[in-house]
Each structure stands twice: as structure tokens, then as C-alpha cells.
């Protein structure tokens, strides 16, 4: 125990110093409060023993000063005086003194006070050790828990159909990045717009699972499947006796069932106009009333809407509320159709092929060049859903190492002539490796034509991209008989 002893009386100070040193305490002495303050500014102590009556500054003033200067630290203060009064003792305790001892000093009383402080310090040290160990164990438990949560989320992703989710293009990477940013705030409504089969519900479930607790509800409503007369009660629920045939106890609505999670309004464009107005209020105020009720409920769910129609066009036609449209577009994400993401078709097809082969213990592991051409040229009106379904069907019906054109005869509108490779559709190394011959001049013309289409017939950009002069480009255009572009 380190003790600072402050006493202006030299005889008392030295006698107490010798005694405390003799029984094993480390003592530093000071003859004035100012010396003690200087010592405290540079050292820490467990106990401060101070006289009260001193000419330059009283012990009470000294205690108040070291508290204000914040140099008392964790030290406990014992005040000693030959003129003890109840008033001074009360003030000392209010200032944070541990004990107040009268002169002449009763050594047993002083040692008892020091021993009590030592026991408290020991308990504090043990408590801090326990806290430290507990914090370490808590962090370990937290890490284990988070790992378990991550594993559980992976399993939920798989059960939700997105466990094999892989992003193969910058376009879809930007879509999912935007979804993650918008999804961080559950109060922001999200509108996912895209053709049927582009993966809108998959993206909705992704937003839900990466932002909510694993046990939080995900309530999906297929808007076109609900009777327009029942829409309000389905969404908001109803109170007892709200209408003829209502349940006696009333019924919870989907908003209430989705509390703490996500409600997905699939094909939002099919919601009746009068419900659109009420939905707008719910989104704006995050509150709603049940049918036949007067109690206001808080909306505690994230709202995600999807549509396969051009809602902006519906707004212009007066078939969708403009104010609701603008509110929904706070979190508007457009998913492009697969035909506009051709660079994803082959990687997606290979991913699905391997997934279904592994699931059904089949051999498929690659796609022939000819089959790749067919996949690239197919319009994929059903988008990713169509691609996934056709590959699952192929794996169910066939068992081969390589996907070939013969397997793709299941494709709607399949034409055998589509199997003839076009050099522009594959990297030149793959094209030549397939054993096909190449007409170099026509190949160059194909590249020029493709570059023109890519640049929307902008000749300056096309020439810059191909690294040729405009005169050279005009020569190619003449050979292609595209002079009118």
C-alpha cells in the first residue's frame, strides 16, 4: 500500500512515518498542502493521510482542491485533527473522505481504517480482474454467436433459394450494392422493378436476410391473387364485428404479422386505387388503423414492393397514384432483363448446371461451344427463372459430362441452325478451338458492325474504340453496305 502522509507538525509526521514504515507500508511525506499537491500531480497513492488544521490551507480545503484538480485518483483520504467537530466531520465525508480520526491518534483506530481500505482495494482489484475475464469470455461468446448467426443465415439463404447466389456482372453487382445501402434503413420503402423471372423476390429476401434478425418474419403477399374487397382487411387486419362474417376476436393483418421483419407486396401495381391512398399514408406516417377500429397501430415492418410493369407509364395513364409512385421510388431499384446482361448467361447456366447435377448426383460439369451459342442467342423472355428451369429439366432428363445442343432441344423455339457458331459470339481462342474455320475479313467486319451497334452508330466513338482512323472506318462501313447510318 502506497501512502501519502501530510502533516505540518514535523514531530507527528516523522513519528507516524517511522511507525507505518516499520509495519510494511510505503510512505511519502509532505509538510505543506502545496507540496502534497505537487507530489499527487506526479504519483498515485492508495491512501492519503492528512492533518486538518494547517496554517496555509486546511485539510478540508486540501481535499476539495485535489478533487477539483482531479489528482486524487483512486486514493482514499483519512483526515486527522485535534479539534474535531461534527460539522467538520460531516463536511469531510461529503467531500469524499473515507474516515475522520481525532488526535491524539488511536493507532488501532488508524490501522483498522487502513486495513479496511486495503480490503476494499483488494476487492476492487479482484472485481476488475473478474470484469476483465468476463469481458474476454463475453467477446469469445459473442464471436461464437456471430459465427453461428452467420451459419444460420447461410442455411436460411439456401432454404430461400439464394444460397447459390453468385453475381457475374458489374450491372448486378451495382444492383445488390444499392440494395444493401438502401436496406440499412428499414423505414425506407423499396420498389424492385423488373420483368418476370429477373429475381425480384430473391433480391427482396436478400435485403431482408442481410439486415434483419434470423427469426424475423418475411411475409409475402401476391397482390393479384387477393380479392379487391378483402385487400384492406388482409393488409391492416380488422377489429371484432368490423363486418358481417368477421371473426369474433378480430384478425391480425399482414402488417402486424410482419412486425420486426419485412412485408413483400408482390406486383404492387395490382393494388386497388383506394388501397393505394391508405398504403401511402402507412408508408409516410408509419401508422395504420385496422378495419372497423379506432386504435392507431405503429408499422414495425420494412416494406418492399415489386412490379413487372412500367409503373411510371401506369402513372401517366392514371392507373397508379403519382404520389405513391414518388414515395416508393425513394428506394427504387431496376433489375435489367437477362437479354441485356448476356455476359451473365453462360456463367449462370454453368452455375445452375453444377448445382442441379450435385443435387441429383449427375455428371454435368461443362457446356460445349455450340450449346453456349444457343444459350446466348435465346431471347430468355422468362429471364433467369426460365434459364434455371430449363437447366433443371435437362439435368433431370439427361446425364452427361457436357451440355450439348441435343439437350437444348427442350428450349422453346429451338432451331437446329442456331448451333452453327458465329465467331463474334465467342472469344476467338474458343472459336478456333472448336474446330471451326474463320474468314478473317468477315470476322473483322463482324467486329466493326458489333462496335457500331454498341456505340449506337456513333462513328467517332466507334473509330476511337477500334483504334482506327475515321477514313478506315468509312471503308469498313462501305463494305458492310451501311452507308446510310
Foldseek 3Di string as FASTA:
>chain_A
DEEEEEALDPVVRVVVCVVCVVVPYHYDYDNDLVVVLVVLVPDAGQEYEYEADDDPHGPLRSLLVCVVVVSNPNHAYEYEYQDDDPVVQVSCVVSRHQYYAYPPGDVVVVVVSVVVSVVVVVVVVVVVVVVVVVVVVVVVVVVVVVVVQVVLLLVVLVVVVCNLPDDDDPQVVVLLVLLQVQLQDLLQEAEEEAAAQLCQVNSVVVSFSVRAGPPQDEAEDALVVDDLVCVQCQAAWAAAPLDPPADRHTTHHPQVNRARTAYEYEAVLNHDAVVLVQVLCCSVVQWHAHRPGDDIDGRRHRYYYYHHDDVVVCVVVVSHPPSSVVSNVVNYGYRYFVLVVLSVQQVLLQSLLVVLCVVVVAQAREEAPLRSLQSSPDPPSNGSVVSNVLSNVLSVVDGDHYHYLVSVVPPPPDDPVSSDDDCVSDPVVSVVVNVDDDDVVVNVLVVLVVLCVVVVNPLVVSCVVVVHDSVVSVVSCVVVVNVPD
